[in-house]
């Protein structure tokens, strides 16, 4: 699964991907470390504009909404091969276990909780 093939030529994304610790570790430790890295590198902000920034744009601005950081995380995980077998239709991510992650629904739930 490659959701955004243009990221293969995105310099900031490629640099960030290369900076991820790829040493042998438990999956949970890897995920916690990557989340901590993103939290430290990407400033959270509330964006009212519709849509999701590209991972390259999020890295360039060093800021984004939860959906922007989430999309960056998904793209990093795909290229780290932790999301092997997942499919993406532009709105939802389907995992091999047939459950669906609806990005728009997640954003609505987050906004309602604020």
N, C-alpha and C. Protein backbone atom coordinates (compact mmCIF):
# COMPACT_ATOMS: atom_id res chain seq x y z
N UNK A 1 0.85 -1.18 0.00
CA UNK A 1 0.00 0.00 0.00
C UNK A 1 0.88 1.23 0.00
N UNK A 2 0.70 2.08 -0.97
CA UNK A 2 1.34 3.39 -0.98
C UNK A 2 0.23 4.38 -1.28
N UNK A 3 -0.14 5.18 -0.28
CA UNK A 3 -1.25 6.11 -0.44
C UNK A 3 -0.85 7.33 -1.23
N UNK A 4 0.37 7.72 -1.15
CA UNK A 4 0.84 8.94 -1.82
C UNK A 4 2.20 8.68 -2.46
N UNK A 5 2.20 8.13 -3.68
CA UNK A 5 3.48 7.80 -4.32
C UNK A 5 4.37 9.01 -4.54
N UNK A 6 3.80 10.22 -4.59
CA UNK A 6 4.61 11.42 -4.79
C UNK A 6 5.59 11.66 -3.63
N UNK A 7 5.36 11.01 -2.50
CA UNK A 7 6.26 11.19 -1.36
C UNK A 7 7.63 10.56 -1.60
N UNK A 8 7.71 9.70 -2.59
CA UNK A 8 9.02 9.11 -2.93
C UNK A 8 9.99 10.20 -3.36
N UNK A 9 9.47 11.33 -3.85
CA UNK A 9 10.31 12.45 -4.30
C UNK A 9 10.15 13.69 -3.42
N UNK A 10 9.65 13.51 -2.22
CA UNK A 10 9.43 14.62 -1.30
C UNK A 10 10.60 14.68 -0.32
N UNK A 11 11.47 15.70 -0.45
CA UNK A 11 12.72 15.70 0.33
C UNK A 11 12.53 15.73 1.85
N UNK A 12 11.60 16.54 2.34
CA UNK A 12 11.41 16.60 3.80
C UNK A 12 10.87 15.29 4.34
N UNK A 13 9.94 14.69 3.62
CA UNK A 13 9.39 13.41 4.05
C UNK A 13 10.47 12.33 4.04
N UNK A 14 11.26 12.29 3.00
CA UNK A 14 12.32 11.28 2.91
C UNK A 14 13.36 11.46 4.01
N UNK A 15 13.69 12.72 4.32
CA UNK A 15 14.64 13.00 5.39
C UNK A 15 14.07 12.55 6.74
N UNK A 16 12.79 12.85 6.95
CA UNK A 16 12.14 12.47 8.21
C UNK A 16 12.07 10.94 8.32
N UNK A 17 11.71 10.29 7.24
CA UNK A 17 11.63 8.83 7.21
C UNK A 17 13.00 8.22 7.55
N UNK A 18 14.05 8.78 6.99
CA UNK A 18 15.40 8.28 7.24
C UNK A 18 15.84 8.50 8.69
N UNK A 19 15.24 9.48 9.37
CA UNK A 19 15.64 9.78 10.74
C UNK A 19 14.98 8.87 11.78
N UNK A 20 14.06 8.03 11.35
CA UNK A 20 13.34 7.16 12.29
C UNK A 20 14.26 6.03 12.74
N UNK A 21 14.23 5.78 14.04
CA UNK A 21 15.03 4.71 14.63
C UNK A 21 14.53 3.36 14.11
N UNK A 22 15.38 2.65 13.39
CA UNK A 22 15.00 1.35 12.83
C UNK A 22 15.71 0.20 13.53
N UNK A 23 16.23 0.49 14.71
CA UNK A 23 16.87 -0.60 15.45
C UNK A 23 15.81 -1.62 15.88
N UNK A 24 16.26 -2.83 16.13
CA UNK A 24 15.34 -3.88 16.53
C UNK A 24 14.75 -3.53 17.90
N UNK A 25 13.44 -3.51 17.96
CA UNK A 25 12.74 -3.19 19.20
C UNK A 25 11.32 -3.74 19.13
N UNK A 26 10.67 -3.78 20.27
CA UNK A 26 9.27 -4.23 20.28
C UNK A 26 8.43 -3.23 19.49
N UNK A 27 7.38 -3.72 18.84
CA UNK A 27 6.52 -2.86 18.03
C UNK A 27 5.95 -1.72 18.86
N UNK A 28 5.50 -2.00 20.07
CA UNK A 28 4.90 -0.95 20.90
C UNK A 28 5.93 0.12 21.23
N UNK A 29 7.17 -0.28 21.47
CA UNK A 29 8.22 0.70 21.76
C UNK A 29 8.50 1.57 20.53
N UNK A 30 8.49 0.94 19.36
CA UNK A 30 8.68 1.70 18.12
C UNK A 30 7.55 2.72 17.94
N UNK A 31 6.30 2.28 18.12
CA UNK A 31 5.16 3.17 17.93
C UNK A 31 5.16 4.32 18.93
N UNK A 32 5.47 4.03 20.18
CA UNK A 32 5.54 5.09 21.20
C UNK A 32 6.64 6.08 20.84
N UNK A 33 7.80 5.57 20.46
CA UNK A 33 8.91 6.44 20.08
C UNK A 33 8.58 7.32 18.89
N UNK A 34 7.93 6.74 17.88
CA UNK A 34 7.56 7.52 16.69
C UNK A 34 6.51 8.58 17.04
N UNK A 35 5.54 8.21 17.87
CA UNK A 35 4.54 9.20 18.29
C UNK A 35 5.19 10.34 19.09
N UNK A 36 6.13 10.01 19.95
CA UNK A 36 6.83 11.04 20.71
C UNK A 36 7.64 11.95 19.79
N UNK A 37 8.27 11.36 18.78
CA UNK A 37 9.04 12.15 17.81
C UNK A 37 8.12 13.12 17.08
N UNK A 38 6.98 12.62 16.60
CA UNK A 38 6.04 13.49 15.89
C UNK A 38 5.52 14.60 16.81
N UNK A 39 5.20 14.25 18.04
CA UNK A 39 4.69 15.25 18.98
C UNK A 39 5.73 16.35 19.22
N UNK A 40 6.99 15.97 19.28
CA UNK A 40 8.04 16.95 19.49
C UNK A 40 8.36 17.79 18.26
N UNK A 41 8.14 17.23 17.08
CA UNK A 41 8.53 17.91 15.84
C UNK A 41 7.40 18.67 15.17
N UNK A 42 6.15 18.27 15.41
CA UNK A 42 5.00 18.88 14.75
C UNK A 42 4.12 19.57 15.78
N UNK A 43 3.99 20.88 15.66
CA UNK A 43 3.16 21.66 16.58
C UNK A 43 1.69 21.44 16.25
N UNK A 44 0.89 21.11 17.28
CA UNK A 44 -0.53 20.91 17.07
C UNK A 44 -1.24 22.25 16.95
N UNK A 45 -2.13 22.33 15.98
CA UNK A 45 -2.99 23.50 15.87
C UNK A 45 -4.35 23.09 15.34
N UNK A 46 -5.34 23.90 15.64
CA UNK A 46 -6.70 23.67 15.14
C UNK A 46 -6.81 24.36 13.80
N UNK A 47 -7.08 23.56 12.77
CA UNK A 47 -7.28 24.11 11.43
C UNK A 47 -8.74 23.98 11.07
N UNK A 48 -9.34 25.07 10.62
CA UNK A 48 -10.75 25.03 10.23
C UNK A 48 -10.90 24.73 8.74
N UNK A 49 -9.81 24.82 7.98
CA UNK A 49 -9.87 24.52 6.55
C UNK A 49 -10.19 23.04 6.35
N UNK A 50 -10.98 22.74 5.33
CA UNK A 50 -11.27 21.33 5.05
C UNK A 50 -10.05 20.62 4.48
N UNK A 51 -10.09 19.31 4.55
CA UNK A 51 -9.04 18.52 3.94
C UNK A 51 -7.88 18.24 4.87
N UNK A 52 -6.92 17.53 4.32
CA UNK A 52 -5.73 17.11 5.06
C UNK A 52 -4.50 17.62 4.32
N UNK A 53 -3.57 18.19 5.07
CA UNK A 53 -2.30 18.62 4.46
C UNK A 53 -1.54 17.38 4.00
N UNK A 54 -0.71 17.56 2.99
CA UNK A 54 0.17 16.46 2.61
C UNK A 54 1.22 16.30 3.71
N UNK A 55 1.80 15.13 3.86
CA UNK A 55 2.88 14.97 4.83
C UNK A 55 4.02 15.96 4.60
N UNK A 56 4.34 16.23 3.34
CA UNK A 56 5.41 17.17 3.04
C UNK A 56 5.06 18.57 3.55
N UNK A 57 3.80 18.98 3.37
CA UNK A 57 3.36 20.30 3.84
C UNK A 57 3.40 20.36 5.37
N UNK A 58 2.96 19.29 6.02
CA UNK A 58 2.99 19.26 7.48
C UNK A 58 4.42 19.38 7.99
N UNK A 59 5.35 18.69 7.36
CA UNK A 59 6.75 18.79 7.76
C UNK A 59 7.33 20.16 7.47
N UNK A 60 6.97 20.74 6.34
CA UNK A 60 7.48 22.07 5.98
C UNK A 60 7.00 23.12 6.99
N UNK A 61 5.72 23.05 7.36
CA UNK A 61 5.15 24.00 8.31
C UNK A 61 5.51 23.66 9.75
N UNK A 62 5.90 22.40 9.96
CA UNK A 62 6.17 21.88 11.31
C UNK A 62 4.96 22.08 12.21
N UNK A 63 3.77 22.01 11.61
CA UNK A 63 2.53 22.14 12.36
C UNK A 63 1.39 21.54 11.56
N UNK A 64 0.33 21.22 12.28
CA UNK A 64 -0.85 20.70 11.62
C UNK A 64 -1.88 20.24 12.64
N UNK A 65 -3.08 19.95 12.15
CA UNK A 65 -4.13 19.44 13.00
C UNK A 65 -3.87 17.96 13.29
N UNK A 66 -4.73 17.38 14.10
CA UNK A 66 -4.54 15.95 14.41
C UNK A 66 -4.67 15.11 13.14
N UNK A 67 -5.54 15.54 12.21
CA UNK A 67 -5.68 14.75 10.98
C UNK A 67 -4.43 14.86 10.12
N UNK A 68 -3.76 16.01 10.16
CA UNK A 68 -2.51 16.18 9.39
C UNK A 68 -1.40 15.32 9.98
N UNK A 69 -1.25 15.37 11.29
CA UNK A 69 -0.23 14.55 11.95
C UNK A 69 -0.55 13.07 11.80
N UNK A 70 -1.84 12.74 11.87
CA UNK A 70 -2.26 11.36 11.70
C UNK A 70 -1.93 10.83 10.32
N UNK A 71 -2.14 11.68 9.31
CA UNK A 71 -1.84 11.25 7.93
C UNK A 71 -0.34 11.09 7.74
N UNK A 72 0.44 11.98 8.33
CA UNK A 72 1.89 11.84 8.27
C UNK A 72 2.30 10.52 8.92
N UNK A 73 1.72 10.21 10.07
CA UNK A 73 2.02 8.96 10.77
C UNK A 73 1.67 7.76 9.91
N UNK A 74 0.50 7.77 9.27
CA UNK A 74 0.09 6.66 8.41
C UNK A 74 1.11 6.45 7.29
N UNK A 75 1.50 7.53 6.63
CA UNK A 75 2.46 7.41 5.53
C UNK A 75 3.81 6.89 6.01
N UNK A 76 4.24 7.31 7.19
CA UNK A 76 5.51 6.81 7.74
C UNK A 76 5.40 5.32 8.05
N UNK A 77 4.28 4.92 8.63
CA UNK A 77 4.09 3.51 8.98
C UNK A 77 4.00 2.63 7.73
N UNK A 78 3.36 3.14 6.70
CA UNK A 78 3.27 2.38 5.45
C UNK A 78 4.67 2.10 4.92
N UNK A 79 5.49 3.12 4.91
CA UNK A 79 6.84 2.95 4.38
C UNK A 79 7.75 2.18 5.32
N UNK A 80 7.32 2.05 6.57
CA UNK A 80 8.05 1.22 7.52
C UNK A 80 7.50 -0.20 7.49
N UNK A 81 6.52 -0.43 6.65
CA UNK A 81 5.90 -1.73 6.42
C UNK A 81 5.14 -2.27 7.61
N UNK A 82 4.69 -1.38 8.51
CA UNK A 82 3.87 -1.82 9.63
C UNK A 82 2.39 -1.89 9.25
N UNK A 83 2.04 -1.32 8.10
CA UNK A 83 0.64 -1.35 7.69
C UNK A 83 0.47 -2.21 6.44
N UNK A 84 1.28 -3.22 6.31
CA UNK A 84 1.20 -4.12 5.16
C UNK A 84 -0.18 -4.77 5.13
N UNK A 85 -0.81 -4.79 3.98
CA UNK A 85 -2.12 -5.40 3.82
C UNK A 85 -3.27 -4.44 3.96
N UNK A 86 -3.00 -3.19 4.33
CA UNK A 86 -4.07 -2.21 4.45
C UNK A 86 -4.39 -1.62 3.08
N UNK A 87 -5.63 -1.20 2.89
CA UNK A 87 -6.06 -0.54 1.65
C UNK A 87 -6.61 0.83 2.01
N UNK A 88 -6.53 1.75 1.07
CA UNK A 88 -7.00 3.12 1.27
C UNK A 88 -7.85 3.52 0.08
N UNK A 89 -9.04 4.10 0.34
CA UNK A 89 -9.91 4.51 -0.77
C UNK A 89 -10.08 6.02 -0.87
N UNK A 90 -9.23 6.79 -0.19
CA UNK A 90 -9.31 8.25 -0.23
C UNK A 90 -10.02 8.83 0.97
N UNK A 91 -10.80 8.03 1.67
CA UNK A 91 -11.52 8.50 2.85
C UNK A 91 -11.31 7.55 4.03
N UNK A 92 -11.26 6.26 3.73
CA UNK A 92 -11.18 5.26 4.79
C UNK A 92 -9.95 4.38 4.59
N UNK A 93 -9.44 3.89 5.70
CA UNK A 93 -8.37 2.91 5.66
C UNK A 93 -8.96 1.59 6.10
N UNK A 94 -8.85 0.58 5.26
CA UNK A 94 -9.37 -0.75 5.56
C UNK A 94 -8.20 -1.61 5.99
N UNK A 95 -8.35 -2.28 7.13
CA UNK A 95 -7.27 -3.15 7.53
C UNK A 95 -7.58 -4.59 7.15
N UNK A 96 -6.62 -5.48 7.23
CA UNK A 96 -6.84 -6.87 6.81
C UNK A 96 -7.89 -7.60 7.65
N UNK A 97 -8.26 -7.03 8.78
CA UNK A 97 -9.24 -7.66 9.67
C UNK A 97 -10.65 -7.16 9.38
N UNK A 98 -10.81 -6.42 8.26
CA UNK A 98 -12.10 -5.95 7.77
C UNK A 98 -12.75 -4.86 8.62
N UNK A 99 -12.01 -4.22 9.50
CA UNK A 99 -12.56 -3.06 10.17
C UNK A 99 -12.12 -1.82 9.39
N UNK A 100 -12.79 -0.72 9.62
CA UNK A 100 -12.58 0.48 8.83
C UNK A 100 -12.21 1.64 9.75
N UNK A 101 -11.21 2.41 9.35
CA UNK A 101 -10.86 3.64 10.03
C UNK A 101 -11.33 4.77 9.11
N UNK A 102 -12.38 5.46 9.52
CA UNK A 102 -12.95 6.54 8.73
C UNK A 102 -12.34 7.85 9.22
N UNK A 103 -11.47 8.45 8.40
CA UNK A 103 -10.75 9.65 8.82
C UNK A 103 -11.69 10.81 9.11
N UNK A 104 -12.74 10.97 8.31
CA UNK A 104 -13.69 12.07 8.53
C UNK A 104 -14.43 11.87 9.84
N UNK A 105 -14.82 10.62 10.14
CA UNK A 105 -15.52 10.34 11.39
C UNK A 105 -14.61 10.62 12.58
N UNK A 106 -13.35 10.24 12.47
CA UNK A 106 -12.40 10.52 13.55
C UNK A 106 -12.27 12.02 13.79
N UNK A 107 -12.23 12.81 12.72
CA UNK A 107 -12.12 14.26 12.87
C UNK A 107 -13.38 14.82 13.52
N UNK A 108 -14.57 14.36 13.10
CA UNK A 108 -15.82 14.83 13.71
C UNK A 108 -15.85 14.52 15.20
N UNK A 109 -15.44 13.31 15.57
CA UNK A 109 -15.42 12.94 16.98
C UNK A 109 -14.44 13.81 17.76
N UNK A 110 -13.28 14.05 17.18
CA UNK A 110 -12.29 14.90 17.85
C UNK A 110 -12.83 16.31 18.03
N UNK A 111 -13.42 16.87 16.98
CA UNK A 111 -13.95 18.23 17.05
C UNK A 111 -15.07 18.35 18.07
N UNK A 112 -15.92 17.32 18.17
CA UNK A 112 -17.04 17.32 19.12
C UNK A 112 -16.53 17.26 20.56
N UNK A 113 -15.39 16.65 20.76
CA UNK A 113 -14.83 16.52 22.11
C UNK A 113 -14.14 17.80 22.58
N UNK A 114 -13.87 18.71 21.67
CA UNK A 114 -13.14 19.94 22.03
C UNK A 114 -14.04 20.94 22.73
